[in-house]
Amino acid sequence: MDTLVLSHTYQPIKLVNWFDAFNMVLTGRAELIAAYENKEVYSFTRSYKMPSVIRFIHSVVNRFANISYVKISRKNVWARDNGVCQYCGKHLNIKDATLDHVIPRSMGGQKVWTNIVLSCYGCNQKKGNKPLHETNLALKSKPCKPKNIEISRILAKNKEAQKIWKIFLEHYIT
């Protein structure tokens, strides 16, 4: 089970395993904000609620608060495009997905968020090294730079905690 860690100002920082979160609370570095229902940790003398959301008590560096650069990777493009081929609409496993340059690199297309889309192998082969207007393919949605891909990944990781976490993450969702 994962725990969402918030800064002292309630901004999301990262996910940690429940044991590390429990230790942060136990040592006084963080406070428990929300716990999983019907999940407890037992010691010899008492039981504790398993943390779902904790908050640091003192100031920490938040690497997602002012994120300006999101790395272009297969995993991040897959998350931005919701695992869907942007040409045919087929749902893809991350292992079967390819990245396609809308304007091919050989024609001056750059490796930027607005020029890269998720594609299935068949559509990528069909488009080849041609610009989009020379093919019979059309984009399902216009590619754009995501606000914060890590937040989307956090929400997708733990379905049970989504309801609790969404309260703290809704401002950051793209």
Protein backbone atom coordinates (compact mmCIF):
# COMPACT_ATOMS: atom_id res chain seq x y z
CA MET A 1 0.00 0.00 0.00
CA ASP A 2 1.25 3.45 -0.89
CA THR A 3 0.92 6.69 1.01
CA LEU A 4 0.63 10.15 -0.52
CA VAL A 5 3.08 12.58 1.06
CA LEU A 6 2.17 16.27 1.25
CA SER A 7 4.37 19.25 2.05
CA HIS A 8 3.65 21.34 5.14
CA THR A 9 1.50 23.53 2.83
CA TYR A 10 -0.55 20.52 1.63
CA GLN A 11 1.07 20.28 -1.81
CA PRO A 12 1.66 16.74 -3.14
CA ILE A 13 5.30 15.64 -3.09
CA LYS A 14 5.51 11.92 -3.81
CA LEU A 15 4.35 8.43 -2.96
CA VAL A 16 6.09 6.31 -0.35
CA ASN A 17 5.32 2.85 0.96
CA TRP A 18 3.10 2.71 4.03
CA PHE A 19 5.97 1.56 6.28
CA ASP A 20 8.12 4.63 5.53
CA ALA A 21 5.08 6.88 6.00
CA PHE A 22 4.26 5.16 9.29
CA ASN A 23 7.83 5.78 10.49
CA MET A 24 7.65 9.46 9.52
CA VAL A 25 4.49 9.84 11.60
CA LEU A 26 5.87 7.82 14.50
CA THR A 27 9.08 9.88 14.64
CA GLY A 28 7.19 13.18 14.51
CA ARG A 29 8.39 14.34 11.07
CA ALA A 30 4.87 14.07 9.63
CA GLU A 31 1.27 13.95 10.75
CA LEU A 32 -1.44 11.54 9.70
CA ILE A 33 -4.06 13.25 7.50
CA ALA A 34 -6.04 10.23 6.28
CA ALA A 35 -5.88 6.49 6.86
CA TYR A 36 -7.03 3.46 4.89
CA GLU A 37 -10.34 2.06 6.06
CA ASN A 38 -10.15 -1.33 7.80
CA LYS A 39 -6.35 -1.52 7.49
CA GLU A 40 -4.24 -1.43 10.59
CA VAL A 41 -0.65 -1.98 11.68
CA TYR A 42 -0.15 -3.96 14.89
CA SER A 43 2.57 -3.81 17.52
CA PHE A 44 2.75 -5.91 20.65
CA THR A 45 0.83 -3.36 22.67
CA ARG A 46 -1.49 -1.52 20.30
CA SER A 47 -2.78 -1.03 16.75
CA TYR A 48 -2.29 1.93 14.42
CA LYS A 49 -4.23 3.01 11.34
CA MET A 50 -2.37 2.45 8.05
CA PRO A 51 -1.57 5.88 6.57
CA SER A 52 -3.06 6.87 3.22
CA VAL A 53 -2.08 10.57 3.33
CA ILE A 54 0.53 12.22 5.54
CA ARG A 55 1.79 15.79 5.76
CA PHE A 56 5.29 16.95 6.66
CA ILE A 57 5.24 19.18 9.71
CA HIS A 58 8.23 21.30 8.62
CA SER A 59 9.19 22.81 5.26
CA VAL A 60 10.58 20.46 2.58
CA VAL A 61 11.56 20.89 -1.05
CA ASN A 62 8.57 20.05 -3.27
CA ARG A 63 9.81 18.90 -6.65
CA PHE A 64 6.30 18.98 -8.21
CA ALA A 65 5.08 22.38 -6.98
CA ASN A 66 6.57 24.50 -9.76
CA ILE A 67 7.31 21.84 -12.32
CA SER A 68 8.24 23.39 -15.63
CA TYR A 69 9.91 20.49 -17.40
CA VAL A 70 8.29 17.13 -17.95
CA LYS A 71 10.59 14.59 -19.59
CA ILE A 72 9.38 13.16 -22.88
CA SER A 73 9.36 9.39 -22.49
CA ARG A 74 7.20 6.51 -23.64
CA LYS A 75 5.73 6.22 -20.14
CA ASN A 76 4.90 9.94 -19.93
CA VAL A 77 3.44 10.15 -23.45
CA TRP A 78 1.42 7.00 -22.72
CA ALA A 79 0.04 8.65 -19.56
CA ARG A 80 -0.73 11.94 -21.36
CA ASP A 81 -2.55 10.15 -24.20
CA ASN A 82 -4.37 7.78 -21.80
CA GLY A 83 -2.83 4.73 -23.47
CA VAL A 84 -4.74 5.34 -26.72
CA CYS A 85 -3.26 5.37 -30.24
CA GLN A 86 -3.76 8.91 -31.48
CA TYR A 87 -4.46 7.71 -35.03
CA CYS A 88 -6.81 4.72 -34.74
CA GLY A 89 -8.03 4.99 -31.13
CA LYS A 90 -6.85 1.52 -30.11
CA HIS A 91 -6.09 1.06 -26.40
CA LEU A 92 -2.45 0.09 -25.99
CA ASN A 93 -0.39 -1.67 -23.39
CA ILE A 94 2.64 0.49 -22.60
CA LYS A 95 4.93 -2.25 -23.98
CA ASP A 96 3.11 -2.24 -27.34
CA ALA A 97 3.03 1.55 -27.72
CA THR A 98 5.36 3.50 -29.98
CA LEU A 99 6.04 7.20 -30.20
CA ASP A 100 5.45 9.01 -33.48
CA HIS A 101 6.69 12.42 -34.59
CA VAL A 102 3.70 14.13 -36.24
CA ILE A 103 6.17 16.14 -38.35
CA PRO A 104 8.98 13.64 -39.04
CA ARG A 105 12.43 14.48 -37.73
CA SER A 106 13.82 14.19 -41.25
CA MET A 107 11.56 17.12 -42.20
CA GLY A 108 12.59 19.31 -39.28
CA GLY A 109 10.16 17.96 -36.69
CA GLN A 110 11.48 18.36 -33.17
CA LYS A 111 11.31 16.17 -30.10
CA VAL A 112 8.77 18.37 -28.29
CA TRP A 113 5.47 17.55 -26.58
CA THR A 114 3.44 19.20 -29.34
CA ASN A 115 5.02 16.99 -32.03
CA ILE A 116 5.00 13.56 -30.36
CA VAL A 117 1.98 11.26 -30.00
CA LEU A 118 1.31 7.71 -28.88
CA SER A 119 0.85 5.32 -31.76
CA CYS A 120 0.28 1.62 -32.28
CA TYR A 121 2.90 -0.20 -34.34
CA GLY A 122 0.58 -0.53 -37.34
CA CYS A 123 -0.29 3.17 -37.54
CA ASN A 124 3.33 4.16 -36.98
CA GLN A 125 4.39 1.91 -39.88
CA LYS A 126 1.54 3.18 -42.07
CA LYS A 127 2.51 6.83 -41.48
CA GLY A 128 6.21 6.10 -41.88
CA ASN A 129 8.41 9.08 -42.65
CA LYS A 130 5.62 11.19 -44.17
CA PRO A 131 3.92 14.29 -42.85
CA LEU A 132 0.37 13.77 -41.64
CA HIS A 133 -1.27 15.52 -44.60
CA GLU A 134 0.28 12.99 -47.01
CA THR A 135 -1.39 10.06 -45.26
CA ASN A 136 -5.02 9.12 -44.69
CA LEU A 137 -4.47 9.33 -40.91
CA ALA A 138 -5.87 12.01 -38.60
CA LEU A 139 -5.03 12.82 -34.98
CA LYS A 140 -7.66 11.96 -32.35
CA SER A 141 -6.51 14.91 -30.22
CA LYS A 142 -4.01 17.74 -30.52
CA PRO A 143 -0.77 16.93 -28.66
CA CYS A 144 0.13 19.32 -25.85
CA LYS A 145 2.56 19.56 -22.98
CA PRO A 146 1.08 18.05 -19.80
CA LYS A 147 0.92 20.12 -16.63
CA ASN A 148 2.10 17.39 -14.30
CA ILE A 149 2.40 13.82 -15.52
CA GLU A 150 3.52 12.55 -12.09
CA ILE A 151 0.17 13.43 -10.53
CA SER A 152 -1.66 11.44 -13.22
CA ARG A 153 0.64 8.49 -12.57
CA ILE A 154 0.01 8.73 -8.82
CA LEU A 155 -3.76 8.61 -9.33
CA ALA A 156 -3.53 5.65 -11.70
CA LYS A 157 -1.31 3.68 -9.32
CA ASN A 158 -3.69 3.08 -6.44
CA LYS A 159 -7.41 2.81 -7.22
CA GLU A 160 -8.48 2.32 -3.59
CA ALA A 161 -6.85 5.54 -2.44
CA GLN A 162 -8.03 7.64 -5.36
CA LYS A 163 -11.05 9.08 -3.54
CA ILE A 164 -8.95 10.33 -0.63
CA TRP A 165 -6.01 11.47 -2.75
CA LYS A 166 -8.14 13.35 -5.31
CA ILE A 167 -8.99 15.94 -2.67
CA PHE A 168 -5.30 16.87 -2.43
CA LEU A 169 -4.46 16.37 -6.12
CA GLU A 170 -7.42 17.93 -7.94
CA HIS A 171 -5.63 21.26 -8.46
CA TYR A 172 -2.73 19.47 -10.20
CA ILE A 173 -4.68 17.13 -12.49
CA THR A 174 -4.23 17.88 -16.20
